[in-house]
Amino acid sequence: MRILKVEPGRFPFEKDMPDTLEAIQQEVEGLFQPVYMEEGVILCCNEEGKLIGMQPNRRIPGDIICGPFFLVGDDGEGGFCSLTHQQIQRYKEYFREPEQFTGAEPELEPRMDFYWL
């Protein structure tokens, strides 16, 4: 499937990868966490990136993603699929510039959210 890979300090780039758990974990260098960006687009990052001290990468609304991540399509049935050309272009522009961080950003503090009914 066609993804958009975003690494700390680098420009985003397109890449083909197999749709397997092993390939996903290899791309994020560990356990992965899906973050829904918009309908049809999922950001996959290392779920422990902040806890294990991975390098800050990019800001998203309300957070900073640490470590490498990629964007992939959502097939609407609980699986992944290739991004469309338009999605790739949109997120290449969105994450175009590598960001600089001081290390003092509050979003870099590890946190856990608990939900209960």
N, C-alpha and C. Protein backbone atom coordinates (compact mmCIF):
# COMPACT_ATOMS: atom_id res chain seq x y z
N MET A 1 0.84 -1.18 0.00
CA MET A 1 0.00 0.00 0.00
C MET A 1 0.89 1.23 0.00
N ARG A 2 0.36 2.33 -0.54
CA ARG A 2 1.11 3.58 -0.67
C ARG A 2 0.87 4.42 0.58
N ILE A 3 2.00 4.83 1.24
CA ILE A 3 1.93 5.63 2.45
C ILE A 3 2.75 6.89 2.27
N LEU A 4 2.62 7.81 3.23
CA LEU A 4 3.47 8.98 3.31
C LEU A 4 4.24 8.88 4.62
N LYS A 5 5.54 8.75 4.53
CA LYS A 5 6.41 8.58 5.71
C LYS A 5 6.94 9.95 6.13
N VAL A 6 6.93 10.20 7.46
CA VAL A 6 7.43 11.46 8.00
C VAL A 6 8.41 11.12 9.12
N GLU A 7 9.67 11.51 8.93
CA GLU A 7 10.72 11.25 9.91
C GLU A 7 11.21 12.58 10.50
N PRO A 8 11.68 12.57 11.74
CA PRO A 8 12.20 13.80 12.34
C PRO A 8 13.33 14.41 11.49
N GLY A 9 13.22 15.72 11.26
CA GLY A 9 14.28 16.43 10.55
C GLY A 9 14.33 16.21 9.05
N ARG A 10 13.36 15.49 8.48
CA ARG A 10 13.36 15.20 7.04
C ARG A 10 12.05 15.64 6.41
N PHE A 11 12.07 15.80 5.10
CA PHE A 11 10.86 16.09 4.36
C PHE A 11 10.05 14.80 4.20
N PRO A 12 8.72 14.88 4.17
CA PRO A 12 7.90 13.67 3.96
C PRO A 12 8.18 13.04 2.60
N PHE A 13 8.05 11.72 2.52
CA PHE A 13 8.26 11.04 1.25
C PHE A 13 7.27 9.89 1.10
N GLU A 14 6.92 9.60 -0.14
CA GLU A 14 6.02 8.50 -0.45
C GLU A 14 6.78 7.18 -0.41
N LYS A 15 6.07 6.13 -0.04
CA LYS A 15 6.70 4.83 0.10
C LYS A 15 5.63 3.75 -0.05
N ASP A 16 6.02 2.62 -0.60
CA ASP A 16 5.15 1.44 -0.64
C ASP A 16 5.54 0.53 0.51
N MET A 17 4.55 -0.04 1.17
CA MET A 17 4.82 -0.99 2.25
C MET A 17 3.74 -2.06 2.27
N PRO A 18 4.08 -3.26 2.75
CA PRO A 18 3.07 -4.31 2.86
C PRO A 18 2.08 -3.97 3.98
N ASP A 19 0.89 -4.48 3.88
CA ASP A 19 -0.14 -4.27 4.90
C ASP A 19 -0.05 -5.41 5.92
N THR A 20 1.04 -5.39 6.72
CA THR A 20 1.23 -6.40 7.75
C THR A 20 1.59 -5.71 9.06
N LEU A 21 1.29 -6.36 10.17
CA LEU A 21 1.63 -5.81 11.47
C LEU A 21 3.14 -5.61 11.59
N GLU A 22 3.91 -6.54 11.09
CA GLU A 22 5.36 -6.44 11.17
C GLU A 22 5.87 -5.21 10.42
N ALA A 23 5.34 -4.95 9.24
CA ALA A 23 5.77 -3.79 8.44
C ALA A 23 5.38 -2.48 9.14
N ILE A 24 4.18 -2.45 9.70
CA ILE A 24 3.71 -1.25 10.41
C ILE A 24 4.62 -0.96 11.60
N GLN A 25 4.90 -1.99 12.40
CA GLN A 25 5.75 -1.80 13.56
C GLN A 25 7.18 -1.42 13.17
N GLN A 26 7.66 -1.93 12.06
CA GLN A 26 8.99 -1.57 11.58
C GLN A 26 9.04 -0.09 11.20
N GLU A 27 8.00 0.40 10.55
CA GLU A 27 7.97 1.81 10.12
C GLU A 27 7.96 2.77 11.30
N VAL A 28 7.31 2.40 12.41
CA VAL A 28 7.23 3.30 13.57
C VAL A 28 8.23 2.91 14.66
N GLU A 29 9.03 1.89 14.39
CA GLU A 29 10.07 1.42 15.31
C GLU A 29 9.52 0.96 16.66
N GLY A 30 8.42 0.22 16.62
CA GLY A 30 7.85 -0.34 17.84
C GLY A 30 6.35 -0.52 17.73
N LEU A 31 5.69 -0.53 18.88
CA LEU A 31 4.24 -0.66 18.92
C LEU A 31 3.59 0.55 18.27
N PHE A 32 2.51 0.34 17.54
CA PHE A 32 1.92 1.48 16.84
C PHE A 32 0.59 1.91 17.45
N GLN A 33 0.32 3.19 17.26
CA GLN A 33 -0.93 3.80 17.69
C GLN A 33 -1.54 4.53 16.50
N PRO A 34 -2.80 4.24 16.15
CA PRO A 34 -3.46 5.00 15.09
C PRO A 34 -4.06 6.29 15.64
N VAL A 35 -3.91 7.36 14.87
CA VAL A 35 -4.48 8.66 15.21
C VAL A 35 -5.28 9.10 13.98
N TYR A 36 -6.57 9.31 14.14
CA TYR A 36 -7.40 9.69 13.00
C TYR A 36 -7.22 11.18 12.70
N MET A 37 -6.76 11.46 11.49
CA MET A 37 -6.51 12.84 11.07
C MET A 37 -7.78 13.46 10.47
N GLU A 38 -8.45 12.71 9.64
CA GLU A 38 -9.69 13.13 8.99
C GLU A 38 -10.30 11.87 8.38
N GLU A 39 -11.50 11.99 7.90
CA GLU A 39 -12.13 10.83 7.28
C GLU A 39 -11.25 10.29 6.16
N GLY A 40 -10.89 9.02 6.27
CA GLY A 40 -10.10 8.38 5.23
C GLY A 40 -8.60 8.43 5.43
N VAL A 41 -8.11 9.12 6.48
CA VAL A 41 -6.66 9.24 6.69
C VAL A 41 -6.32 8.94 8.15
N ILE A 42 -5.37 8.02 8.35
CA ILE A 42 -4.90 7.63 9.67
C ILE A 42 -3.41 7.88 9.76
N LEU A 43 -2.99 8.48 10.87
CA LEU A 43 -1.58 8.66 11.18
C LEU A 43 -1.19 7.51 12.11
N CYS A 44 -0.15 6.78 11.77
CA CYS A 44 0.35 5.69 12.61
C CYS A 44 1.69 6.09 13.18
N CYS A 45 1.77 6.11 14.52
CA CYS A 45 3.00 6.51 15.20
C CYS A 45 3.34 5.48 16.27
N ASN A 46 4.51 5.64 16.88
CA ASN A 46 4.92 4.76 17.97
C ASN A 46 4.16 5.18 19.21
N GLU A 47 3.41 4.26 19.81
CA GLU A 47 2.58 4.61 20.95
C GLU A 47 3.40 4.94 22.19
N GLU A 48 4.66 4.56 22.21
CA GLU A 48 5.53 4.85 23.35
C GLU A 48 6.60 5.89 23.02
N GLY A 49 6.44 6.58 21.90
CA GLY A 49 7.46 7.50 21.42
C GLY A 49 7.97 8.49 22.46
N LYS A 50 7.06 9.11 23.19
CA LYS A 50 7.46 10.07 24.22
C LYS A 50 8.08 9.37 25.42
N LEU A 51 7.50 8.24 25.81
CA LEU A 51 7.98 7.52 26.99
C LEU A 51 9.40 7.00 26.82
N ILE A 52 9.76 6.60 25.62
CA ILE A 52 11.10 6.05 25.40
C ILE A 52 12.08 7.07 24.85
N GLY A 53 11.65 8.34 24.80
CA GLY A 53 12.56 9.42 24.42
C GLY A 53 12.86 9.56 22.94
N MET A 54 11.92 9.17 22.09
CA MET A 54 12.13 9.37 20.65
C MET A 54 12.15 10.86 20.34
N GLN A 55 12.84 11.21 19.28
CA GLN A 55 13.00 12.60 18.87
C GLN A 55 11.66 13.21 18.46
N PRO A 56 11.36 14.44 18.95
CA PRO A 56 10.13 15.11 18.50
C PRO A 56 10.14 15.26 16.98
N ASN A 57 8.99 15.07 16.37
CA ASN A 57 8.92 15.07 14.92
C ASN A 57 8.06 16.22 14.40
N ARG A 58 6.74 16.14 14.57
CA ARG A 58 5.84 17.16 14.04
C ARG A 58 4.71 17.41 15.02
N ARG A 59 4.15 18.62 14.92
CA ARG A 59 2.97 18.98 15.70
C ARG A 59 1.72 18.55 14.94
N ILE A 60 0.75 18.08 15.70
CA ILE A 60 -0.61 17.93 15.20
C ILE A 60 -1.47 18.68 16.20
N PRO A 61 -2.71 18.99 15.91
CA PRO A 61 -3.53 19.75 16.86
C PRO A 61 -3.55 19.10 18.25
N GLY A 62 -3.05 19.84 19.25
CA GLY A 62 -3.08 19.39 20.63
C GLY A 62 -1.98 18.45 21.05
N ASP A 63 -1.01 18.15 20.16
CA ASP A 63 0.01 17.19 20.53
C ASP A 63 1.25 17.35 19.65
N ILE A 64 2.32 16.68 20.05
CA ILE A 64 3.54 16.57 19.25
C ILE A 64 3.81 15.07 19.11
N ILE A 65 4.01 14.63 17.87
CA ILE A 65 4.32 13.23 17.61
C ILE A 65 5.84 13.06 17.71
N CYS A 66 6.28 12.07 18.49
CA CYS A 66 7.70 11.78 18.63
C CYS A 66 8.03 10.51 17.86
N GLY A 67 9.16 10.53 17.17
CA GLY A 67 9.59 9.38 16.39
C GLY A 67 8.98 9.41 14.99
N PRO A 68 9.39 8.46 14.16
CA PRO A 68 8.86 8.40 12.80
C PRO A 68 7.38 8.00 12.81
N PHE A 69 6.66 8.49 11.82
CA PHE A 69 5.26 8.09 11.66
C PHE A 69 4.94 8.05 10.17
N PHE A 70 3.78 7.49 9.86
CA PHE A 70 3.33 7.50 8.48
C PHE A 70 1.83 7.71 8.44
N LEU A 71 1.37 8.17 7.29
CA LEU A 71 -0.05 8.34 7.04
C LEU A 71 -0.48 7.29 6.04
N VAL A 72 -1.66 6.74 6.27
CA VAL A 72 -2.19 5.67 5.45
C VAL A 72 -3.69 5.89 5.28
N GLY A 73 -4.26 5.31 4.25
CA GLY A 73 -5.70 5.41 4.05
C GLY A 73 -6.48 4.48 4.96
N ASP A 74 -7.73 4.84 5.20
CA ASP A 74 -8.67 4.05 5.99
C ASP A 74 -9.66 3.45 5.01
N ASP A 75 -9.76 2.12 4.99
CA ASP A 75 -10.65 1.49 4.01
C ASP A 75 -12.12 1.51 4.42
N GLY A 76 -12.43 2.06 5.60
CA GLY A 76 -13.81 2.14 6.05
C GLY A 76 -14.34 0.87 6.68
N GLU A 77 -13.52 -0.18 6.71
CA GLU A 77 -13.94 -1.46 7.28
C GLU A 77 -12.98 -1.94 8.35
N GLY A 78 -12.22 -1.00 8.94
CA GLY A 78 -11.29 -1.37 10.00
C GLY A 78 -9.89 -1.71 9.52
N GLY A 79 -9.62 -1.52 8.26
CA GLY A 79 -8.29 -1.83 7.71
C GLY A 79 -7.64 -0.63 7.08
N PHE A 80 -6.43 -0.83 6.63
CA PHE A 80 -5.67 0.23 5.96
C PHE A 80 -5.73 0.02 4.45
N CYS A 81 -5.48 1.12 3.73
CA CYS A 81 -5.38 1.06 2.28
C CYS A 81 -4.45 2.18 1.82
N SER A 82 -4.11 2.20 0.56
CA SER A 82 -3.25 3.24 0.02
C SER A 82 -3.90 4.60 0.12
N LEU A 83 -3.06 5.62 0.33
CA LEU A 83 -3.54 6.99 0.25
C LEU A 83 -3.81 7.33 -1.21
N THR A 84 -4.75 8.24 -1.44
CA THR A 84 -4.97 8.74 -2.80
C THR A 84 -3.89 9.77 -3.12
N HIS A 85 -3.74 10.07 -4.39
CA HIS A 85 -2.78 11.10 -4.81
C HIS A 85 -3.08 12.43 -4.12
N GLN A 86 -4.36 12.78 -4.01
CA GLN A 86 -4.75 14.04 -3.38
C GLN A 86 -4.39 14.04 -1.89
N GLN A 87 -4.60 12.92 -1.20
CA GLN A 87 -4.25 12.84 0.22
C GLN A 87 -2.74 12.97 0.41
N ILE A 88 -1.97 12.31 -0.44
CA ILE A 88 -0.52 12.41 -0.35
C ILE A 88 -0.08 13.85 -0.53
N GLN A 89 -0.60 14.53 -1.54
CA GLN A 89 -0.21 15.92 -1.79
C GLN A 89 -0.60 16.82 -0.62
N ARG A 90 -1.80 16.63 -0.09
CA ARG A 90 -2.27 17.45 1.03
C ARG A 90 -1.36 17.32 2.25
N TYR A 91 -1.01 16.08 2.62
CA TYR A 91 -0.21 15.87 3.82
C TYR A 91 1.28 16.10 3.58
N LYS A 92 1.75 15.99 2.35
CA LYS A 92 3.12 16.40 2.04
C LYS A 92 3.27 17.88 2.33
N GLU A 93 2.27 18.64 1.96
CA GLU A 93 2.30 20.09 2.22
C GLU A 93 2.13 20.36 3.72
N TYR A 94 1.21 19.69 4.38
CA TYR A 94 0.92 19.91 5.79
C TYR A 94 2.15 19.65 6.66
N PHE A 95 2.89 18.58 6.37
CA PHE A 95 4.07 18.21 7.17
C PHE A 95 5.38 18.56 6.45
N ARG A 96 5.31 19.43 5.47
CA ARG A 96 6.44 19.74 4.58
C ARG A 96 7.71 20.12 5.32
N GLU A 97 7.63 21.06 6.23
CA GLU A 97 8.82 21.58 6.88
C GLU A 97 9.16 20.81 8.15
N PRO A 98 10.38 20.30 8.26
CA PRO A 98 10.81 19.71 9.53
C PRO A 98 10.74 20.78 10.62
N GLU A 99 10.30 20.40 11.80
CA GLU A 99 10.12 21.36 12.89
C GLU A 99 11.28 21.30 13.87
N GLN A 100 11.50 22.43 14.55
CA GLN A 100 12.51 22.52 15.60
C GLN A 100 11.79 22.58 16.94
N PHE A 101 12.31 21.89 17.93
CA PHE A 101 11.71 21.87 19.25
C PHE A 101 12.77 22.21 20.28
N THR A 102 12.36 22.88 21.35
CA THR A 102 13.29 23.25 22.42
C THR A 102 13.41 22.16 23.47
N GLY A 103 12.42 21.28 23.56
CA GLY A 103 12.38 20.26 24.60
C GLY A 103 11.55 20.71 25.78
N ALA A 104 11.16 21.99 25.80
CA ALA A 104 10.36 22.53 26.91
C ALA A 104 8.88 22.60 26.57
N GLU A 105 8.48 22.13 25.41
CA GLU A 105 7.07 22.19 25.01
C GLU A 105 6.25 21.29 25.93
N PRO A 106 5.13 21.81 26.48
CA PRO A 106 4.31 20.99 27.37
C PRO A 106 3.75 19.74 26.71
N GLU A 107 3.55 19.75 25.41
CA GLU A 107 3.02 18.59 24.69
C GLU A 107 4.00 17.42 24.68
N LEU A 108 5.27 17.68 25.01
CA LEU A 108 6.26 16.61 25.02
C LEU A 108 6.23 15.78 26.30
N GLU A 109 5.49 16.24 27.29
CA GLU A 109 5.34 15.48 28.52
C GLU A 109 4.45 14.27 28.25
N PRO A 110 4.92 13.07 28.61
CA PRO A 110 4.07 11.89 28.43
C PRO A 110 2.79 12.03 29.26
N ARG A 111 1.69 11.59 28.70
CA ARG A 111 0.42 11.64 29.43
C ARG A 111 -0.43 10.45 29.03
N MET A 112 -1.32 10.11 29.91
CA MET A 112 -2.28 9.05 29.63
C MET A 112 -3.67 9.61 29.85
N ASP A 113 -4.56 9.31 28.96
CA ASP A 113 -5.96 9.72 29.11
C ASP A 113 -6.77 8.50 29.53
N PHE A 114 -7.55 8.67 30.58
CA PHE A 114 -8.43 7.59 31.04
C PHE A 114 -9.87 7.99 30.80
N TYR A 115 -10.64 7.05 30.32
CA TYR A 115 -12.07 7.28 30.06
C TYR A 115 -12.86 6.25 30.85
N TRP A 116 -13.93 6.67 31.44
CA TRP A 116 -14.80 5.74 32.14
C TRP A 116 -16.24 6.19 31.95
N LEU A 117 -17.14 5.27 32.18
CA LEU A 117 -18.58 5.55 31.99
C LEU A 117 -19.24 5.72 33.32
